[in-house]
Amino acid sequence: MVDHSYADLSLAALYDSLNPWGPGDDFYLDQVMSASSVLDVGCGTGRLLRGARAEGHEGRLMGLEPAAAMLVQARRAEPGVEWVLGDLRTRRWEGHGFDLVVMTGHAFQELLGDEELRAALTAVRTALSPTGRFVFETRNPTARTWETWTPDRVHHATAPDGRQVRVWHEVDGSPVGDRVTFTETYEGGAFAHPQVCRSTLRFLAPDALAGFLDAAGLEVVEQYGDWARGPVTSGSPEIITVARQG
């Protein structure tokens, strides 16, 4: 069992097939196209920044990703983007002045500890220009999305060699505070045996989220409950936040 699905090259190659372009990607692409310089934190395979280049974005685009296997995928496709291996603690960000910093794909929920979260948000603030925006999403805890992560909900992905891979999730016990631990199992394709990965995500409520942002010197400008920009309610699936330096 491994701790992160996409630390492995063969699993990273499945990411885009498992997560096809959708409304969330359209939302973020619109944000990127309106900014002259963009930092994508946890950029994965880099498809958002690749999409921006394909749409004619001519400014500075930087993708930051801690999983080397994911950057292998990104670097194969788009040489016109700065791909950086690491996380927000990798380098000093003062003076970069990005007009936009994004965290997509629920990457924000992988910041588990309070100190880790505070450090990441402080780094975001220092990376922003005075008028820059930080845009990210986290699953709404009151929607209890993890209750749908059951083995009977099987997803299918197509590997680069064309073979099909079955993928399913299973929650590991009950939530502990605001953290949910689960496994992700891959079966088929080139895998001789099922590959089981274990992950933990943090589900912050809106008030707690606002508290962390405020402590880091960031203030909420807009907040949505879905990709159509609906309000955040108890049943909305997402908490999509647009913040700026306070």
C-alpha atoms as a PDB file:
ATOM      1  CA  MET A   1       0.000   0.000   0.000  1.00  0.00           C
ATOM      2  CA  VAL A   2       1.295   3.483  -0.857  1.00  0.00           C
ATOM      3  CA  ASP A   3       0.374   6.785   0.750  1.00  0.00           C
ATOM      4  CA  HIS A   4      -0.348   8.773  -2.396  1.00  0.00           C
ATOM      5  CA  SER A   5      -1.839   7.440  -5.609  1.00  0.00           C
ATOM      6  CA  TYR A   6       0.053   9.638  -8.005  1.00  0.00           C
ATOM      7  CA  ALA A   7       3.586   9.138  -6.700  1.00  0.00           C
ATOM      8  CA  ASP A   8       3.792   6.174  -9.092  1.00  0.00           C
ATOM      9  CA  LEU A   9       4.345   6.718 -12.832  1.00  0.00           C
ATOM     10  CA  SER A  10       1.809   4.091 -13.904  1.00  0.00           C
ATOM     11  CA  LEU A  11      -0.879   5.579 -11.658  1.00  0.00           C
ATOM     12  CA  ALA A  12      -0.092   9.173 -12.630  1.00  0.00           C
ATOM     13  CA  ALA A  13      -0.604   8.200 -16.275  1.00  0.00           C
ATOM     14  CA  LEU A  14      -4.234   7.347 -15.421  1.00  0.00           C
ATOM     15  CA  TYR A  15      -5.097  10.675 -13.817  1.00  0.00           C
ATOM     16  CA  ASP A  16      -6.571  12.522 -16.790  1.00  0.00           C
ATOM     17  CA  SER A  17      -8.592   9.503 -17.867  1.00  0.00           C
ATOM     18  CA  LEU A  18     -10.049   9.152 -14.366  1.00  0.00           C
ATOM     19  CA  ASN A  19     -10.691  12.881 -14.080  1.00  0.00           C
ATOM     20  CA  PRO A  20     -11.950  14.119 -17.461  1.00  0.00           C
ATOM     21  CA  TRP A  21     -12.249  17.835 -18.137  1.00  0.00           C
ATOM     22  CA  GLY A  22     -15.404  19.203 -16.532  1.00  0.00           C
ATOM     23  CA  PRO A  23     -17.176  22.339 -15.250  1.00  0.00           C
ATOM     24  CA  GLY A  24     -14.534  22.916 -12.585  1.00  0.00           C
ATOM     25  CA  ASP A  25     -11.825  23.027 -15.228  1.00  0.00           C
ATOM     26  CA  ASP A  26     -13.881  25.527 -17.252  1.00  0.00           C
ATOM     27  CA  PHE A  27     -14.247  27.696 -14.129  1.00  0.00           C
ATOM     28  CA  TYR A  28     -10.512  27.726 -13.463  1.00  0.00           C
ATOM     29  CA  LEU A  29      -9.584  28.215 -17.107  1.00  0.00           C
ATOM     30  CA  ASP A  30     -11.708  31.353 -17.154  1.00  0.00           C
ATOM     31  CA  GLN A  31      -9.806  32.608 -14.098  1.00  0.00           C
ATOM     32  CA  VAL A  32      -6.426  31.812 -15.658  1.00  0.00           C
ATOM     33  CA  MET A  33      -7.212  33.467 -18.966  1.00  0.00           C
ATOM     34  CA  SER A  34      -8.003  36.744 -17.178  1.00  0.00           C
ATOM     35  CA  ALA A  35      -4.646  36.814 -15.317  1.00  0.00           C
ATOM     36  CA  SER A  36      -1.283  37.703 -16.826  1.00  0.00           C
ATOM     37  CA  SER A  37       0.775  35.530 -14.446  1.00  0.00           C
ATOM     38  CA  VAL A  38      -0.437  32.334 -12.777  1.00  0.00           C
ATOM     39  CA  LEU A  39       0.888  29.888 -10.182  1.00  0.00           C
ATOM     40  CA  ASP A  40      -0.931  26.536 -10.165  1.00  0.00           C
ATOM     41  CA  VAL A  41      -0.199  24.841  -6.816  1.00  0.00           C
ATOM     42  CA  GLY A  42      -0.536  21.061  -7.035  1.00  0.00           C
ATOM     43  CA  CYS A  43      -0.769  21.297 -10.815  1.00  0.00           C
ATOM     44  CA  GLY A  44      -0.850  17.517 -11.348  1.00  0.00           C
ATOM     45  CA  THR A  45      -0.477  16.616 -15.009  1.00  0.00           C
ATOM     46  CA  GLY A  46      -0.601  20.313 -15.877  1.00  0.00           C
ATOM     47  CA  ARG A  47      -3.711  20.157 -17.992  1.00  0.00           C
ATOM     48  CA  LEU A  48      -5.114  23.488 -16.740  1.00  0.00           C
ATOM     49  CA  LEU A  49      -1.997  25.401 -17.777  1.00  0.00           C
ATOM     50  CA  ARG A  50      -1.738  23.383 -20.997  1.00  0.00           C
ATOM     51  CA  GLY A  51      -5.335  24.358 -21.718  1.00  0.00           C
ATOM     52  CA  ALA A  52      -4.529  28.011 -21.095  1.00  0.00           C
ATOM     53  CA  ARG A  53      -1.623  27.913 -23.539  1.00  0.00           C
ATOM     54  CA  ALA A  54      -3.843  26.189 -26.109  1.00  0.00           C
ATOM     55  CA  GLU A  55      -6.378  29.001 -25.658  1.00  0.00           C
ATOM     56  CA  GLY A  56      -3.692  31.607 -26.375  1.00  0.00           C
ATOM     57  CA  HIS A  57      -2.477  32.668 -22.921  1.00  0.00           C
ATOM     58  CA  GLU A  58       0.833  34.486 -23.486  1.00  0.00           C
ATOM     59  CA  GLY A  59       1.794  35.359 -19.914  1.00  0.00           C
ATOM     60  CA  ARG A  60       3.810  33.578 -17.247  1.00  0.00           C
ATOM     61  CA  LEU A  61       2.486  30.163 -16.212  1.00  0.00           C
ATOM     62  CA  MET A  62       4.099  28.130 -13.426  1.00  0.00           C
ATOM     63  CA  GLY A  63       2.985  24.687 -12.261  1.00  0.00           C
ATOM     64  CA  LEU A  64       4.108  23.513  -8.807  1.00  0.00           C
ATOM     65  CA  GLU A  65       3.699  19.808  -7.986  1.00  0.00           C
ATOM     66  CA  PRO A  66       5.154  17.615  -5.188  1.00  0.00           C
ATOM     67  CA  ALA A  67       4.727  14.312  -7.074  1.00  0.00           C
ATOM     68  CA  ALA A  68       7.516  13.845  -9.626  1.00  0.00           C
ATOM     69  CA  ALA A  69       5.455  11.256 -11.521  1.00  0.00           C
ATOM     70  CA  MET A  70       2.757  13.842 -12.223  1.00  0.00           C
ATOM     71  CA  LEU A  71       5.306  16.335 -13.557  1.00  0.00           C
ATOM     72  CA  VAL A  72       6.589  13.672 -15.930  1.00  0.00           C
ATOM     73  CA  GLN A  73       3.150  13.776 -17.546  1.00  0.00           C
ATOM     74  CA  ALA A  74       3.098  17.582 -17.564  1.00  0.00           C
ATOM     75  CA  ARG A  75       6.535  18.005 -19.114  1.00  0.00           C
ATOM     76  CA  ARG A  76       5.738  15.657 -21.982  1.00  0.00           C
ATOM     77  CA  ALA A  77       3.014  17.912 -23.268  1.00  0.00           C
ATOM     78  CA  GLU A  78       3.874  21.591 -22.805  1.00  0.00           C
ATOM     79  CA  PRO A  79       7.408  23.051 -22.808  1.00  0.00           C
ATOM     80  CA  GLY A  80       6.092  26.613 -22.584  1.00  0.00           C
ATOM     81  CA  VAL A  81       5.215  26.359 -18.883  1.00  0.00           C
ATOM     82  CA  GLU A  82       7.562  26.496 -15.868  1.00  0.00           C
ATOM     83  CA  TRP A  83       7.170  23.113 -14.164  1.00  0.00           C
ATOM     84  CA  VAL A  84       8.560  23.091 -10.610  1.00  0.00           C
ATOM     85  CA  LEU A  85       8.919  20.013  -8.426  1.00  0.00           C
ATOM     86  CA  GLY A  86       7.956  20.721  -4.807  1.00  0.00           C
ATOM     87  CA  ASP A  87       5.355  22.463  -2.687  1.00  0.00           C
ATOM     88  CA  LEU A  88       4.808  25.963  -1.342  1.00  0.00           C
ATOM     89  CA  ARG A  89       7.702  25.458   1.098  1.00  0.00           C
ATOM     90  CA  THR A  90      10.139  24.730  -1.741  1.00  0.00           C
ATOM     91  CA  ARG A  91      11.200  28.304  -2.368  1.00  0.00           C
ATOM     92  CA  ARG A  92      10.793  31.875  -1.211  1.00  0.00           C
ATOM     93  CA  TRP A  93       7.890  33.542  -2.972  1.00  0.00           C
ATOM     94  CA  GLU A  94       8.363  37.197  -2.024  1.00  0.00           C
ATOM     95  CA  GLY A  95       8.441  39.434  -5.043  1.00  0.00           C
ATOM     96  CA  HIS A  96       6.927  36.970  -7.504  1.00  0.00           C
ATOM     97  CA  GLY A  97       3.717  38.986  -7.733  1.00  0.00           C
ATOM     98  CA  PHE A  98       1.477  36.416  -9.392  1.00  0.00           C
ATOM     99  CA  ASP A  99      -1.860  37.843 -10.491  1.00  0.00           C
ATOM    100  CA  LEU A 100      -3.486  34.495  -9.716  1.00  0.00           C
ATOM    101  CA  VAL A 101      -2.681  31.511  -7.521  1.00  0.00           C
ATOM    102  CA  VAL A 102      -4.926  28.460  -7.868  1.00  0.00           C
ATOM    103  CA  MET A 103      -5.259  25.123  -6.128  1.00  0.00           C
ATOM    104  CA  THR A 104      -7.508  22.798  -8.129  1.00  0.00           C
ATOM    105  CA  GLY A 105      -8.612  19.173  -7.849  1.00  0.00           C
ATOM    106  CA  HIS A 106      -9.293  19.536  -4.108  1.00  0.00           C
ATOM    107  CA  ALA A 107      -5.536  19.769  -3.503  1.00  0.00           C
ATOM    108  CA  PHE A 108      -6.275  22.184  -0.656  1.00  0.00           C
ATOM    109  CA  GLN A 109      -7.731  19.293   1.342  1.00  0.00           C
ATOM    110  CA  GLU A 110      -4.357  17.554   1.417  1.00  0.00           C
ATOM    111  CA  LEU A 111      -3.079  20.243   3.816  1.00  0.00           C
ATOM    112  CA  LEU A 112      -3.834  18.273   6.969  1.00  0.00           C
ATOM    113  CA  GLY A 113      -2.093  19.945   9.906  1.00  0.00           C
ATOM    114  CA  ASP A 114      -2.819  23.426  11.228  1.00  0.00           C
ATOM    115  CA  GLU A 115       0.807  24.519  10.923  1.00  0.00           C
ATOM    116  CA  GLU A 116       1.101  23.071   7.409  1.00  0.00           C
ATOM    117  CA  LEU A 117      -2.053  24.925   6.394  1.00  0.00           C
ATOM    118  CA  ARG A 118      -0.938  28.203   7.943  1.00  0.00           C
ATOM    119  CA  ALA A 119       2.464  27.980   6.250  1.00  0.00           C
ATOM    120  CA  ALA A 120       0.882  27.238   2.866  1.00  0.00           C
ATOM    121  CA  LEU A 121      -1.565  30.143   3.096  1.00  0.00           C
ATOM    122  CA  THR A 122       1.182  32.521   4.194  1.00  0.00           C
ATOM    123  CA  ALA A 123       3.256  31.420   1.201  1.00  0.00           C
ATOM    124  CA  VAL A 124       0.277  32.036  -1.092  1.00  0.00           C
ATOM    125  CA  ARG A 125      -0.138  35.548   0.281  1.00  0.00           C
ATOM    126  CA  THR A 126       3.541  36.365  -0.309  1.00  0.00           C
ATOM    127  CA  ALA A 127       3.345  34.965  -3.850  1.00  0.00           C
ATOM    128  CA  LEU A 128       0.431  37.223  -4.810  1.00  0.00           C
ATOM    129  CA  SER A 129       0.687  40.642  -6.391  1.00  0.00           C
ATOM    130  CA  PRO A 130      -1.078  43.418  -4.402  1.00  0.00           C
ATOM    131  CA  THR A 131      -4.190  42.960  -6.543  1.00  0.00           C
ATOM    132  CA  GLY A 132      -3.787  39.215  -7.059  1.00  0.00           C
ATOM    133  CA  ARG A 133      -6.384  36.552  -6.291  1.00  0.00           C
ATOM    134  CA  PHE A 134      -6.151  33.124  -4.678  1.00  0.00           C
ATOM    135  CA  VAL A 135      -8.792  30.707  -5.970  1.00  0.00           C
ATOM    136  CA  PHE A 136      -9.324  27.182  -4.648  1.00  0.00           C
ATOM    137  CA  GLU A 137     -12.020  24.720  -3.714  1.00  0.00           C
ATOM    138  CA  THR A 138     -12.671  22.315  -0.869  1.00  0.00           C
ATOM    139  CA  ARG A 139     -15.530  19.858  -0.523  1.00  0.00           C
ATOM    140  CA  ASN A 140     -18.335  21.079   1.729  1.00  0.00           C
ATOM    141  CA  PRO A 141     -18.265  18.896   4.874  1.00  0.00           C
ATOM    142  CA  THR A 142     -22.013  19.167   5.443  1.00  0.00           C
ATOM    143  CA  ALA A 143     -22.621  17.462   2.074  1.00  0.00           C
ATOM    144  CA  ARG A 144     -20.751  14.387   3.437  1.00  0.00           C
ATOM    145  CA  THR A 145     -19.420  13.405   0.025  1.00  0.00           C
ATOM    146  CA  TRP A 146     -17.257  10.658   1.501  1.00  0.00           C
ATOM    147  CA  GLU A 147     -20.373   8.585   2.172  1.00  0.00           C
ATOM    148  CA  THR A 148     -20.549   7.902  -1.575  1.00  0.00           C
ATOM    149  CA  TRP A 149     -16.975   6.551  -1.668  1.00  0.00           C
ATOM    150  CA  THR A 150     -17.949   2.894  -1.625  1.00  0.00           C
ATOM    151  CA  PRO A 151     -16.542  -0.162  -3.451  1.00  0.00           C
ATOM    152  CA  ASP A 152     -19.732  -0.631  -5.454  1.00  0.00           C
ATOM    153  CA  ARG A 153     -19.089   2.664  -7.294  1.00  0.00           C
ATOM    154  CA  VAL A 154     -16.448   1.532  -9.765  1.00  0.00           C
ATOM    155  CA  HIS A 155     -14.768   3.983 -12.135  1.00  0.00           C
ATOM    156  CA  HIS A 156     -12.960   3.031 -15.323  1.00  0.00           C
ATOM    157  CA  ALA A 157      -9.800   4.539 -16.757  1.00  0.00           C
ATOM    158  CA  THR A 158      -7.923   3.901 -19.978  1.00  0.00           C
ATOM    159  CA  ALA A 159      -4.185   3.378 -19.589  1.00  0.00           C
ATOM    160  CA  PRO A 160      -1.766   4.766 -22.220  1.00  0.00           C
ATOM    161  CA  ASP A 161      -1.514   1.256 -23.712  1.00  0.00           C
ATOM    162  CA  GLY A 162      -5.299   1.197 -24.219  1.00  0.00           C
ATOM    163  CA  ARG A 163      -6.069  -1.304 -21.494  1.00  0.00           C
ATOM    164  CA  GLN A 164      -8.893  -0.664 -19.033  1.00  0.00           C
ATOM    165  CA  VAL A 165      -8.320  -0.195 -15.315  1.00  0.00           C
ATOM    166  CA  ARG A 166     -11.031  -0.432 -12.647  1.00  0.00           C
ATOM    167  CA  VAL A 167     -10.819   2.014  -9.723  1.00  0.00           C
ATOM    168  CA  TRP A 168     -12.863   2.237  -6.536  1.00  0.00           C
ATOM    169  CA  HIS A 169     -12.729   3.943  -3.147  1.00  0.00           C
ATOM    170  CA  GLU A 170     -13.504   2.849   0.384  1.00  0.00           C
ATOM    171  CA  VAL A 171     -13.556   4.980   3.529  1.00  0.00           C
ATOM    172  CA  ASP A 172     -11.311   3.669   6.299  1.00  0.00           C
ATOM    173  CA  GLY A 173     -13.500   3.891   9.402  1.00  0.00           C
ATOM    174  CA  SER A 174     -15.396   6.955  10.589  1.00  0.00           C
ATOM    175  CA  PRO A 175     -14.141  10.533  10.137  1.00  0.00           C
ATOM    176  CA  VAL A 176     -11.722  11.674  12.829  1.00  0.00           C
ATOM    177  CA  GLY A 177     -12.588  15.282  13.522  1.00  0.00           C
ATOM    178  CA  ASP A 178     -12.518  16.991  10.136  1.00  0.00           C
ATOM    179  CA  ARG A 179     -10.321  14.320   8.514  1.00  0.00           C
ATOM    180  CA  VAL A 180     -11.428  11.399   6.361  1.00  0.00           C
ATOM    181  CA  THR A 181      -9.072   8.541   5.475  1.00  0.00           C
ATOM    182  CA  PHE A 182      -9.821   6.274   2.521  1.00  0.00           C
ATOM    183  CA  THR A 183      -8.262   3.796   0.140  1.00  0.00           C
ATOM    184  CA  GLU A 184      -8.188   3.932  -3.644  1.00  0.00           C
ATOM    185  CA  THR A 185      -7.784   0.585  -5.414  1.00  0.00           C
ATOM    186  CA  TYR A 186      -6.601   0.066  -9.000  1.00  0.00           C
ATOM    187  CA  GLU A 187      -7.177  -3.275 -10.720  1.00  0.00           C
ATOM    188  CA  GLY A 188      -6.555  -4.496 -14.261  1.00  0.00           C
ATOM    189  CA  GLY A 189      -4.485  -3.185 -17.126  1.00  0.00           C
ATOM    190  CA  ALA A 190      -0.781  -3.756 -16.584  1.00  0.00           C
ATOM    191  CA  PHE A 191      -1.209  -4.327 -12.841  1.00  0.00           C
ATOM    192  CA  ALA A 192      -0.547  -7.959 -11.953  1.00  0.00           C
ATOM    193  CA  HIS A 193      -2.098  -7.342  -8.549  1.00  0.00           C
ATOM    194  CA  PRO A 194      -4.486  -4.661  -7.247  1.00  0.00           C
ATOM    195  CA  GLN A 195      -2.701  -1.459  -6.272  1.00  0.00           C
ATOM    196  CA  VAL A 196      -4.069   0.016  -3.037  1.00  0.00           C
ATOM    197  CA  CYS A 197      -3.311   3.619  -2.075  1.00  0.00           C
ATOM    198  CA  ARG A 198      -4.236   5.251   1.237  1.00  0.00           C
ATOM    199  CA  SER A 199      -4.987   8.972   1.586  1.00  0.00           C
ATOM    200  CA  THR A 200      -6.392  11.415   4.123  1.00  0.00           C
ATOM    201  CA  LEU A 201      -8.298  14.612   3.325  1.00  0.00           C
ATOM    202  CA  ARG A 202      -9.351  17.477   5.575  1.00  0.00           C
ATOM    203  CA  PHE A 203     -12.912  18.822   5.349  1.00  0.00           C
ATOM    204  CA  LEU A 204     -12.927  22.353   6.763  1.00  0.00           C
ATOM    205  CA  ALA A 205     -16.218  24.077   7.573  1.00  0.00           C
ATOM    206  CA  PRO A 206     -16.659  27.634   6.212  1.00  0.00           C
ATOM    207  CA  ASP A 207     -16.026  29.328   9.569  1.00  0.00           C
ATOM    208  CA  ALA A 208     -12.830  27.372  10.195  1.00  0.00           C
ATOM    209  CA  LEU A 209     -11.678  28.040   6.636  1.00  0.00           C
ATOM    210  CA  ALA A 210     -12.287  31.767   7.035  1.00  0.00           C
ATOM    211  CA  GLY A 211     -10.310  31.738  10.272  1.00  0.00           C
ATOM    212  CA  PHE A 212      -7.231  30.224   8.626  1.00  0.00           C
ATOM    213  CA  LEU A 213      -7.428  32.659   5.714  1.00  0.00           C
ATOM    214  CA  ASP A 214      -7.761  35.652   8.028  1.00  0.00           C
ATOM    215  CA  ALA A 215      -4.800  34.536  10.147  1.00  0.00           C
ATOM    216  CA  ALA A 216      -2.668  34.372   6.980  1.00  0.00           C
ATOM    217  CA  GLY A 217      -3.647  37.885   5.911  1.00  0.00           C
ATOM    218  CA  LEU A 218      -6.139  36.816   3.266  1.00  0.00           C
ATOM    219  CA  GLU A 219      -9.771  37.865   2.973  1.00  0.00           C
ATOM    220  CA  VAL A 220     -12.642  36.230   1.113  1.00  0.00           C
ATOM    221  CA  VAL A 221     -13.860  38.205  -1.890  1.00  0.00           C
ATOM    222  CA  GLU A 222     -16.330  35.689  -3.285  1.00  0.00           C
ATOM    223  CA  GLN A 223     -17.494  32.201  -2.357  1.00  0.00           C
ATOM    224  CA  TYR A 224     -19.590  29.713  -4.322  1.00  0.00           C
ATOM    225  CA  GLY A 225     -21.190  26.369  -3.591  1.00  0.00           C
ATOM    226  CA  ASP A 226     -20.894  24.947  -7.092  1.00  0.00           C
ATOM    227  CA  TRP A 227     -19.212  25.569 -10.427  1.00  0.00           C
ATOM    228  CA  ALA A 228     -22.255  27.516 -11.681  1.00  0.00           C
ATOM    229  CA  ARG A 229     -21.476  30.096  -8.967  1.00  0.00           C
ATOM    230  CA  GLY A 230     -24.445  29.204  -6.782  1.00  0.00           C
ATOM    231  CA  PRO A 231     -24.409  30.133  -3.071  1.00  0.00           C
ATOM    232  CA  VAL A 232     -22.813  27.993  -0.389  1.00  0.00           C
ATOM    233  CA  THR A 233     -25.563  26.078   1.424  1.00  0.00           C
ATOM    234  CA  SER A 234     -25.590  23.007   3.652  1.00  0.00           C
ATOM    235  CA  GLY A 235     -26.205  20.848   0.584  1.00  0.00           C
ATOM    236  CA  SER A 236     -23.830  22.471  -1.876  1.00  0.00           C
ATOM    237  CA  PRO A 237     -21.008  20.127  -2.888  1.00  0.00           C
ATOM    238  CA  GLU A 238     -18.175  22.656  -2.864  1.00  0.00           C
ATOM    239  CA  ILE A 239     -16.821  25.691  -1.074  1.00  0.00           C
ATOM    240  CA  ILE A 240     -15.144  27.564  -3.930  1.00  0.00           C
ATOM    241  CA  THR A 241     -13.254  30.542  -2.559  1.00  0.00           C
ATOM    242  CA  VAL A 242     -11.796  33.637  -4.179  1.00  0.00           C
ATOM    243  CA  ALA A 243      -9.510  35.489  -1.747  1.00  0.00           C
ATOM    244  CA  ARG A 244      -7.051  38.370  -1.828  1.00  0.00           C
ATOM    245  CA  GLN A 245      -4.496  39.986   0.437  1.00  0.00           C
ATOM    246  CA  GLY A 246      -6.268  41.546   3.396  1.00  0.00           C
END
